[in-house]
Amino acid sequence: MADKELPSSTTHSPANSANNYRSNNQIALTSGTTLEQSGEWQGWQEWFNQIYRRLMSDPAISYALTVFMTHRLLLSALGALFALIVPLEPPLGSSLLRDVSPNFWGPGFFLLAPWQRWDTNWYISIAQVGYDIGNGTTNFPPLYSFLIGLLGRLLLGQYMLAALLISNIAYIVALVYLYRLTLRHFSEATARTTVLFMVTFPSAFFLASGYTESLYLALTLAAFYYAEERHWYLVAFLVALTGITRIQGIVLVLPLGYRYLQQINFNWRRFGWEGVALVLSPSLYALYMGWVYFILGDHNFGNHLAVIWHIKFAMPWESFFGGLFGFFNPSHVRTMVFNLLDLVTLTLFISLTIIAAQRKFPTHYLIYSIVSLLIYLTRQGTEDLFWMSMNRYLIMVFPAFMLMAQVTPRRFLKVSGAIQAIWATLFIFWMWAG
């Protein structure tokens, strides 16, 4: 009689049972970890979704982001189109890279290289090696370069990427506060149109470039907004920052100081410490100038504008009429187109400021517009460019865009946008564009 085959002894052996127990525990642990990680990811995802929904529920933020992304994509496409045929350095004359070596990551070349132009290299140079005596760097206030240096080091030396990130984030912030400020005094339709007129202005591509325009504008608009909210210590801090972004920022004390006096009904007995903080806000720029003169030892920084940038100080009427007479001089035909754009935009903004006064615009907005125009007119070119960078500076006069949205037909948006495309192309090709 044949013996029956016994079951394998390993099937129920103690060792195998222990292995199965450990294997099941590992599966359970792995499943638990996966479920826990999945839960954490869903929690983070829900948190981001809540932030996104909250942000996009604000019409100022949602509209600003939409307009910004459209503008940024169009400019990036324009730059990428010419990236391979444009030299990294100016084709004529001495290099203006100022010892700044481009450093781009692969595809970043098409997004970054076309915009590393002119003043951007000064800011990057200061961010990398700091200020020096006699080379003109001390004419650039420190905030923008400081931020580039800080972020550029975090990005492993990608200083141009840092410059554009800072400018573009500030650009979004500026559009948000422009929308909100306009909405305080006018309709939502006017707020949207105001943003569009600013974005399509011929020199608006500088807001998305490695320049200080967007940072200065964002700080200025935020200061005006929080002045309406009566957050005066915050306003004083923002005014101090504008002063070390652009020297014109120190004059914000005038319009915002007037707004503060309005809010206390011009009663000097109610003048508090917040008013003192506002009055003292330009002292941050004064500290910078003291450092330049006494610590760094640059005693001739006032001559840099004339020697390096061919700009001199002039009274506003001398600058305006001097340029007007020079415009009709046949020897200046080479720069006629550039001077013509400056003249047209300058005349437009002066006219809008006069109309704003007649329409009883908020007084502190009117003061800001007048003071800004007067300061910009004190810069007179010593060569063929009579109003040096005027069309670029005028974009800071934000009340003009509010009025433009009310009195200018919307079809001019297309004309202005087309001029901007031409001017941005000139800028990419190392030509003068403000």
Protein backbone atom coordinates (compact mmCIF):
# COMPACT_ATOMS: atom_id res chain seq x y z
CA MET A 1 0.00 0.00 0.00
CA ALA A 2 1.54 3.18 -1.15
CA ASP A 3 2.10 5.85 1.38
CA LYS A 4 0.02 9.06 1.02
CA GLU A 5 1.92 12.18 0.08
CA LEU A 6 2.24 14.38 3.08
CA PRO A 7 1.76 18.18 2.83
CA SER A 8 4.95 20.15 2.48
CA SER A 9 6.45 20.76 5.87
CA THR A 10 7.28 24.36 4.95
CA THR A 11 3.64 25.33 4.47
CA HIS A 12 2.91 25.75 8.16
CA SER A 13 6.38 25.98 9.57
CA PRO A 14 7.00 28.52 12.35
CA ALA A 15 9.71 30.24 10.28
CA ASN A 16 7.40 30.71 7.31
CA SER A 17 4.61 32.01 9.51
CA ALA A 18 7.00 34.62 10.92
CA ASN A 19 8.03 35.67 7.42
CA ASN A 20 4.41 35.97 6.37
CA TYR A 21 3.68 38.03 9.48
CA ARG A 22 6.53 40.43 8.74
CA SER A 23 5.50 40.69 5.08
CA ASN A 24 1.91 41.50 6.00
CA ASN A 25 3.07 44.11 8.49
CA GLN A 26 5.28 45.72 5.85
CA ILE A 27 2.36 45.85 3.43
CA ALA A 28 0.19 47.37 6.10
CA LEU A 29 2.84 49.90 7.02
CA THR A 30 3.44 50.77 3.38
CA SER A 31 -0.27 51.18 2.75
CA GLY A 32 -0.60 53.29 5.86
CA THR A 33 2.30 55.49 4.85
CA THR A 34 0.90 55.85 1.36
CA LEU A 35 -2.49 56.78 2.74
CA GLU A 36 -0.90 59.20 5.18
CA GLN A 37 1.21 60.83 2.44
CA SER A 38 -1.82 60.97 0.18
CA GLY A 39 -3.78 62.66 2.95
CA GLU A 40 -1.00 65.18 3.51
CA TRP A 41 -0.81 65.93 -0.22
CA GLN A 42 -4.58 66.38 -0.40
CA GLY A 43 -4.34 68.72 2.60
CA TRP A 44 -1.66 70.83 0.92
CA GLN A 45 -3.56 70.79 -2.36
CA GLU A 46 -6.74 71.94 -0.65
CA TRP A 47 -4.80 74.70 1.14
CA PHE A 48 -3.38 75.97 -2.14
CA ASN A 49 -6.80 75.74 -3.77
CA GLN A 50 -8.32 77.81 -0.98
CA ILE A 51 -5.63 80.48 -1.37
CA TYR A 52 -6.13 80.49 -5.15
CA ARG A 53 -9.90 80.80 -4.85
CA ARG A 54 -9.56 83.58 -2.28
CA LEU A 55 -7.11 85.50 -4.47
CA MET A 56 -9.11 85.08 -7.65
CA SER A 57 -12.30 86.14 -5.90
CA ASP A 58 -10.72 89.61 -5.63
CA PRO A 59 -11.46 91.34 -8.98
CA ALA A 60 -8.36 93.52 -8.65
CA ILE A 61 -6.05 90.50 -8.33
CA SER A 62 -7.77 88.36 -10.96
CA TYR A 63 -7.83 91.17 -13.52
CA ALA A 64 -4.26 92.24 -12.77
CA LEU A 65 -3.00 88.68 -13.19
CA THR A 66 -4.88 88.25 -16.47
CA VAL A 67 -3.53 91.47 -17.93
CA PHE A 68 -0.02 90.82 -16.63
CA MET A 69 0.16 87.29 -18.04
CA THR A 70 -1.02 88.50 -21.45
CA HIS A 71 1.53 91.31 -21.50
CA ARG A 72 4.35 89.12 -20.18
CA LEU A 73 3.70 86.35 -22.72
CA LEU A 74 3.63 88.80 -25.61
CA LEU A 75 6.88 90.42 -24.51
CA SER A 76 8.53 87.04 -23.95
CA ALA A 77 7.49 85.90 -27.42
CA LEU A 78 8.88 89.12 -28.92
CA GLY A 79 12.20 88.67 -27.12
CA ALA A 80 12.47 84.97 -28.00
CA LEU A 81 11.81 85.78 -31.66
CA PHE A 82 14.97 87.90 -31.87
CA ALA A 83 17.11 86.18 -29.21
CA LEU A 84 19.37 84.31 -31.64
CA ILE A 85 20.12 87.25 -33.94
CA VAL A 86 20.71 89.97 -31.35
CA PRO A 87 24.22 90.31 -29.88
CA LEU A 88 24.70 90.07 -26.14
CA GLU A 89 26.67 93.31 -26.25
CA PRO A 90 25.99 96.57 -28.13
CA PRO A 91 27.17 96.25 -31.76
CA LEU A 92 28.69 99.74 -31.70
CA GLY A 93 30.80 101.54 -29.14
CA SER A 94 32.16 100.26 -25.87
CA SER A 95 30.45 97.44 -24.05
CA LEU A 96 27.85 98.47 -21.54
CA LEU A 97 27.78 95.11 -19.82
CA ARG A 98 29.85 96.71 -17.04
CA ASP A 99 31.70 93.45 -16.28
CA VAL A 100 28.42 91.57 -15.97
CA SER A 101 28.73 88.11 -17.50
CA PRO A 102 25.42 86.67 -18.76
CA ASN A 103 24.59 83.38 -17.08
CA PHE A 104 21.51 81.67 -18.44
CA TRP A 105 20.13 78.15 -18.07
CA GLY A 106 19.36 76.57 -21.44
CA PRO A 107 15.92 77.77 -22.58
CA GLY A 108 16.31 80.68 -20.17
CA PHE A 109 18.50 82.28 -22.82
CA PHE A 110 15.42 83.05 -24.92
CA LEU A 111 13.53 84.47 -21.93
CA LEU A 112 16.33 86.41 -20.25
CA ALA A 113 19.02 87.44 -22.74
CA PRO A 114 16.86 89.81 -24.84
CA TRP A 115 16.07 91.88 -21.74
CA GLN A 116 19.57 92.24 -20.27
CA ARG A 117 19.99 95.77 -21.55
CA TRP A 118 21.33 99.15 -20.46
CA ASP A 119 20.49 100.06 -16.84
CA THR A 120 19.73 96.44 -15.99
CA ASN A 121 23.45 95.70 -16.15
CA TRP A 122 24.20 98.54 -13.77
CA TYR A 123 21.81 97.09 -11.20
CA ILE A 124 23.23 93.58 -11.62
CA SER A 125 26.79 94.89 -11.36
CA ILE A 126 25.96 96.67 -8.10
CA ALA A 127 24.24 93.50 -6.85
CA GLN A 128 27.34 91.44 -7.58
CA VAL A 129 30.27 93.69 -6.61
CA GLY A 130 28.70 96.69 -4.86
CA TYR A 131 29.32 100.40 -5.32
CA ASP A 132 32.55 102.08 -6.33
CA ILE A 133 33.86 105.62 -6.54
CA GLY A 134 33.64 107.58 -9.77
CA ASN A 135 32.03 104.95 -12.01
CA GLY A 136 28.46 106.26 -11.74
CA THR A 137 27.06 103.42 -9.65
CA THR A 138 26.30 105.69 -6.69
CA ASN A 139 23.62 107.44 -8.75
CA PHE A 140 21.52 104.27 -8.45
CA PRO A 141 19.75 104.01 -5.06
CA PRO A 142 20.31 100.64 -3.40
CA LEU A 143 16.98 98.86 -2.85
CA TYR A 144 16.51 97.19 -6.26
CA SER A 145 20.15 96.09 -6.50
CA PHE A 146 20.04 94.79 -2.92
CA LEU A 147 16.99 92.65 -3.73
CA ILE A 148 18.67 91.36 -6.92
CA GLY A 149 21.79 90.43 -4.97
CA LEU A 150 19.79 88.64 -2.28
CA LEU A 151 17.59 86.66 -4.66
CA GLY A 152 20.38 86.12 -7.22
CA ARG A 153 22.52 84.33 -4.65
CA LEU A 154 19.58 82.15 -3.65
CA LEU A 155 19.18 81.30 -7.35
CA LEU A 156 22.83 80.21 -7.59
CA GLY A 157 24.07 83.25 -9.47
CA GLN A 158 21.11 83.78 -11.80
CA TYR A 159 21.07 87.56 -11.26
CA MET A 160 19.21 88.40 -14.46
CA LEU A 161 16.47 85.93 -13.54
CA ALA A 162 16.33 87.54 -10.09
CA ALA A 163 16.03 91.02 -11.62
CA LEU A 164 13.10 89.98 -13.81
CA LEU A 165 11.35 88.09 -11.01
CA ILE A 166 11.50 91.11 -8.71
CA SER A 167 10.33 93.51 -11.42
CA ASN A 168 7.50 91.28 -12.59
CA ILE A 169 6.18 90.54 -9.10
CA ALA A 170 6.26 94.28 -8.41
CA TYR A 171 4.48 94.82 -11.74
CA ILE A 172 1.59 92.61 -10.61
CA VAL A 173 1.41 94.40 -7.26
CA ALA A 174 1.36 97.77 -9.04
CA LEU A 175 -1.55 96.74 -11.26
CA VAL A 176 -3.51 95.44 -8.26
CA TYR A 177 -3.16 98.70 -6.34
CA LEU A 178 -3.82 100.80 -9.45
CA TYR A 179 -7.10 98.93 -9.89
CA ARG A 180 -8.04 99.35 -6.22
CA LEU A 181 -7.16 103.04 -6.10
CA THR A 182 -9.13 103.78 -9.26
CA LEU A 183 -12.11 101.84 -7.91
CA ARG A 184 -12.17 104.07 -4.81
CA HIS A 185 -13.06 107.08 -6.95
CA PHE A 186 -14.52 105.69 -10.20
CA SER A 187 -16.42 102.75 -11.62
CA GLU A 188 -15.15 99.22 -12.13
CA ALA A 189 -15.14 99.78 -15.89
CA THR A 190 -12.88 102.81 -15.41
CA ALA A 191 -10.58 100.76 -13.18
CA ARG A 192 -10.19 98.09 -15.86
CA THR A 193 -9.60 100.64 -18.59
CA THR A 194 -7.06 102.48 -16.45
CA VAL A 195 -5.04 99.28 -16.11
CA LEU A 196 -5.23 98.70 -19.86
CA PHE A 197 -4.05 102.21 -20.70
CA MET A 198 -1.05 101.79 -18.41
CA VAL A 199 -0.13 98.36 -19.78
CA THR A 200 -0.36 99.47 -23.41
CA PHE A 201 1.54 102.74 -22.89
CA PRO A 202 4.56 102.90 -25.26
CA SER A 203 7.12 102.54 -22.47
CA ALA A 204 5.17 100.00 -20.36
CA PHE A 205 7.53 97.18 -21.35
CA PHE A 206 9.97 98.69 -18.84
CA LEU A 207 7.58 97.57 -16.10
CA ALA A 208 8.32 93.96 -17.05
CA SER A 209 12.05 94.55 -17.64
CA GLY A 210 14.98 94.67 -15.25
CA TYR A 211 14.39 98.30 -14.31
CA THR A 212 13.15 100.04 -11.16
CA GLU A 213 9.94 101.39 -12.70
CA SER A 214 7.67 98.58 -11.51
CA LEU A 215 9.14 98.47 -7.99
CA TYR A 216 8.85 102.25 -7.62
CA LEU A 217 5.30 102.25 -8.99
CA ALA A 218 4.21 99.38 -6.74
CA LEU A 219 5.56 101.11 -3.63
CA THR A 220 4.02 104.44 -4.65
CA LEU A 221 0.57 103.03 -5.39
CA ALA A 222 0.61 101.00 -2.17
CA ALA A 223 1.53 104.14 -0.21
CA PHE A 224 -1.40 106.05 -1.74
CA TYR A 225 -3.75 103.14 -1.06
CA TYR A 226 -2.81 102.75 2.59
CA ALA A 227 -2.96 106.52 3.04
CA GLU A 228 -6.64 106.21 2.20
CA GLU A 229 -6.86 103.43 4.81
CA ARG A 230 -5.11 105.66 7.41
CA HIS A 231 -2.26 103.20 7.99
CA TRP A 232 0.25 106.01 8.30
CA TYR A 233 3.17 104.12 9.81
CA LEU A 234 3.00 101.71 6.89
CA VAL A 235 2.75 104.66 4.50
CA ALA A 236 5.88 106.22 6.04
CA PHE A 237 7.74 102.92 5.61
CA LEU A 238 6.68 102.64 1.96
CA VAL A 239 7.70 106.25 1.24
CA ALA A 240 11.11 105.54 2.79
CA LEU A 241 11.50 102.54 0.46
CA THR A 242 10.53 104.56 -2.62
CA GLY A 243 13.32 107.01 -1.78
CA ILE A 244 15.95 104.27 -1.93
CA THR A 245 14.39 102.90 -5.12
CA ARG A 246 14.36 106.17 -7.09
CA ILE A 247 15.38 109.59 -5.83
CA GLN A 248 11.98 110.99 -6.90
CA GLY A 249 10.42 108.92 -4.14
CA ILE A 250 11.34 111.44 -1.47
CA VAL A 251 8.80 113.93 -2.84
CA LEU A 252 5.93 111.59 -2.00
CA VAL A 253 5.98 113.36 1.36
CA LEU A 254 4.26 116.34 -0.31
CA PRO A 255 1.08 114.72 -1.69
CA LEU A 256 0.76 112.18 1.11
CA GLY A 257 1.56 114.79 3.74
CA TYR A 258 -1.29 116.88 2.33
CA ARG A 259 -3.56 113.82 2.52
CA TYR A 260 -2.59 113.30 6.16
CA LEU A 261 -3.41 116.93 6.96
CA GLN A 262 -6.74 116.51 5.23
CA GLN A 263 -7.57 113.53 7.40
CA ILE A 264 -6.83 115.49 10.59
CA ASN A 265 -8.78 118.48 9.21
CA PHE A 266 -5.59 120.61 9.15
CA ASN A 267 -5.68 120.69 12.93
CA TRP A 268 -2.06 120.85 14.07
CA ARG A 269 -3.03 119.75 17.56
CA ARG A 270 -3.95 116.37 16.09
CA PHE A 271 -0.57 116.01 14.38
CA GLY A 272 0.67 112.73 15.85
CA TRP A 273 3.72 110.50 15.75
CA GLU A 274 2.48 108.94 12.53
CA GLY A 275 2.79 112.37 10.91
CA VAL A 276 6.30 112.72 12.30
CA ALA A 277 7.18 109.31 10.83
CA LEU A 278 5.91 110.45 7.44
CA VAL A 279 7.92 113.69 7.54
CA LEU A 280 11.07 111.75 8.47
CA SER A 281 10.61 109.03 5.83
CA PRO A 282 13.00 110.64 3.29
CA SER A 283 15.78 110.35 5.87
CA LEU A 284 16.49 106.81 4.66
CA TYR A 285 17.66 108.24 1.34
CA ALA A 286 19.60 110.91 3.25
CA LEU A 287 21.39 108.13 5.14
CA TYR A 288 22.31 106.50 1.84
CA MET A 289 23.74 109.77 0.50
CA GLY A 290 25.64 110.29 3.75
CA TRP A 291 27.12 106.82 3.38
CA VAL A 292 28.14 107.58 -0.23
CA TYR A 293 29.82 110.85 0.73
CA PHE A 294 31.39 110.15 4.10
CA ILE A 295 31.96 106.38 4.17
CA LEU A 296 32.44 105.41 0.54
CA GLY A 297 34.14 108.73 -0.22
CA ASP A 298 32.46 109.53 -3.53
CA HIS A 299 32.49 113.34 -3.30
CA ASN A 300 31.63 113.98 -6.97
CA PHE A 301 28.56 111.82 -7.45
CA GLY A 302 26.65 114.92 -8.53
CA ASN A 303 28.76 115.15 -11.69
CA HIS A 304 28.12 111.58 -12.84
CA LEU A 305 24.87 112.44 -14.63
CA ALA A 306 26.58 115.01 -16.83
CA VAL A 307 29.72 112.98 -17.52
CA ILE A 308 28.29 109.49 -17.98
CA TRP A 309 24.68 110.02 -19.08
CA HIS A 310 24.97 113.48 -20.63
CA ILE A 311 22.23 114.94 -18.44
CA LYS A 312 22.24 118.28 -16.70
CA PHE A 313 19.95 120.02 -14.25
CA ALA A 314 17.70 122.73 -15.67
CA MET A 315 14.62 124.60 -14.56
CA PRO A 316 11.46 122.86 -15.86
CA TRP A 317 10.55 125.66 -18.29
CA GLU A 318 14.11 125.76 -19.63
CA SER A 319 14.02 122.03 -20.25
CA PHE A 320 10.64 122.09 -21.97
CA PHE A 321 11.11 125.11 -24.24
CA GLY A 322 14.80 124.39 -24.83
CA GLY A 323 13.89 120.96 -26.12
CA LEU A 324 11.01 122.42 -28.13
CA PHE A 325 13.32 124.84 -29.94
CA GLY A 326 15.98 122.17 -30.42
CA PHE A 327 13.39 119.83 -31.89
CA PHE A 328 13.15 122.02 -34.99
CA ASN A 329 16.92 122.20 -35.42
CA PRO A 330 17.89 120.28 -38.62
CA SER A 331 21.10 119.03 -36.98
CA HIS A 332 19.02 116.90 -34.61
CA VAL A 333 17.17 114.97 -37.28
CA ARG A 334 18.87 111.71 -36.21
CA THR A 335 16.91 111.64 -32.95
CA MET A 336 13.74 113.31 -34.20
CA VAL A 337 11.53 110.24 -33.78
CA PHE A 338 12.64 109.71 -30.17
CA ASN A 339 12.21 113.37 -29.29
CA LEU A 340 8.83 113.41 -31.00
CA LEU A 341 7.51 110.59 -28.83
CA ASP A 342 8.83 112.33 -25.72
CA LEU A 343 7.23 115.60 -26.78
CA VAL A 344 3.86 114.01 -27.57
CA THR A 345 3.67 112.05 -24.32
CA LEU A 346 4.92 114.98 -22.24
CA THR A 347 2.36 117.33 -23.78
CA LEU A 348 -0.34 114.71 -23.25
CA PHE A 349 0.45 114.32 -19.56
CA ILE A 350 0.66 118.07 -18.97
CA SER A 351 -2.73 118.45 -20.67
CA LEU A 352 -4.23 115.62 -18.62
CA THR A 353 -2.94 117.21 -15.41
CA ILE A 354 -4.59 120.51 -16.36
CA ILE A 355 -7.86 118.71 -17.13
CA ALA A 356 -7.60 116.81 -13.84
CA ALA A 357 -7.36 120.11 -11.98
CA GLN A 358 -10.50 121.36 -13.70
CA ARG A 359 -12.34 118.13 -12.95
CA LYS A 360 -11.48 118.39 -9.25
CA PHE A 361 -9.44 115.21 -9.03
CA PRO A 362 -8.36 114.25 -5.49
CA THR A 363 -5.98 117.01 -4.47
CA HIS A 364 -3.15 114.73 -3.35
CA TYR A 365 -3.27 112.98 -6.75
CA LEU A 366 -2.99 116.35 -8.45
CA ILE A 367 -0.07 117.40 -6.23
CA TYR A 368 1.72 114.15 -7.04
CA SER A 369 1.23 114.63 -10.79
CA ILE A 370 2.47 118.24 -10.78
CA VAL A 371 5.50 117.56 -8.58
CA SER A 372 6.46 114.48 -10.61
CA LEU A 373 6.26 116.36 -13.91
CA LEU A 374 8.34 119.23 -12.54
CA ILE A 375 11.02 116.85 -11.30
CA TYR A 376 11.20 114.96 -14.58
CA LEU A 377 11.52 118.24 -16.47
CA THR A 378 14.62 119.17 -14.47
CA ARG A 379 16.53 116.47 -16.39
CA GLN A 380 17.73 117.99 -19.64
CA GLY A 381 19.80 116.08 -22.18
CA THR A 382 23.06 117.75 -23.21
CA GLU A 383 23.13 116.15 -26.66
CA ASP A 384 20.46 115.15 -29.18
CA LEU A 385 17.99 113.66 -26.68
CA PHE A 386 16.34 116.71 -25.12
CA TRP A 387 14.04 115.01 -22.60
CA MET A 388 16.15 112.08 -21.50
CA SER A 389 13.97 108.99 -20.77
CA MET A 390 10.84 111.15 -20.44
CA ASN A 391 8.39 108.61 -21.89
CA ARG A 392 9.73 106.03 -19.43
CA TYR A 393 9.36 108.31 -16.39
CA LEU A 394 5.87 109.45 -17.30
CA ILE A 395 4.44 106.01 -16.65
CA MET A 396 4.96 106.78 -12.95
CA VAL A 397 2.33 109.56 -13.14
CA PHE A 398 -0.51 107.13 -12.49
CA PRO A 399 -3.37 109.67 -12.05
CA ALA A 400 -3.03 110.55 -15.73
CA PHE A 401 -4.06 107.01 -16.67
CA MET A 402 -7.20 107.31 -14.54
CA LEU A 403 -8.23 110.39 -16.46
CA MET A 404 -7.10 108.84 -19.74
CA ALA A 405 -9.55 106.00 -19.12
CA GLN A 406 -12.37 108.54 -18.88
CA VAL A 407 -11.64 110.91 -21.76
CA THR A 408 -9.69 108.85 -24.33
CA PRO A 409 -11.41 106.52 -26.83
CA ARG A 410 -10.48 102.87 -26.31
CA ARG A 411 -9.27 102.55 -29.91
CA PHE A 412 -6.13 104.40 -28.86
CA LEU A 413 -5.19 101.31 -26.86
CA LYS A 414 -4.32 99.56 -30.12
CA VAL A 415 -2.26 102.49 -31.37
CA SER A 416 -0.37 102.77 -28.10
CA GLY A 417 0.19 99.02 -27.95
CA ALA A 418 1.59 98.98 -31.50
CA ILE A 419 4.04 101.78 -30.61
CA GLN A 420 5.09 99.80 -27.55
CA ALA A 421 5.87 96.76 -29.71
CA ILE A 422 8.13 98.92 -31.89
CA TRP A 423 9.84 100.53 -28.91
CA ALA A 424 10.36 97.16 -27.20
CA THR A 425 11.95 95.82 -30.39
CA LEU A 426 14.33 98.78 -30.47
CA PHE A 427 15.20 98.09 -26.85
CA ILE A 428 15.94 94.43 -27.60
CA PHE A 429 18.24 95.46 -30.46
CA TRP A 430 20.30 97.73 -28.19
CA MET A 431 18.77 100.90 -29.61
CA TRP A 432 17.54 103.90 -27.65
CA ALA A 433 14.01 103.45 -26.35
CA GLY A 434 13.94 105.60 -23.23
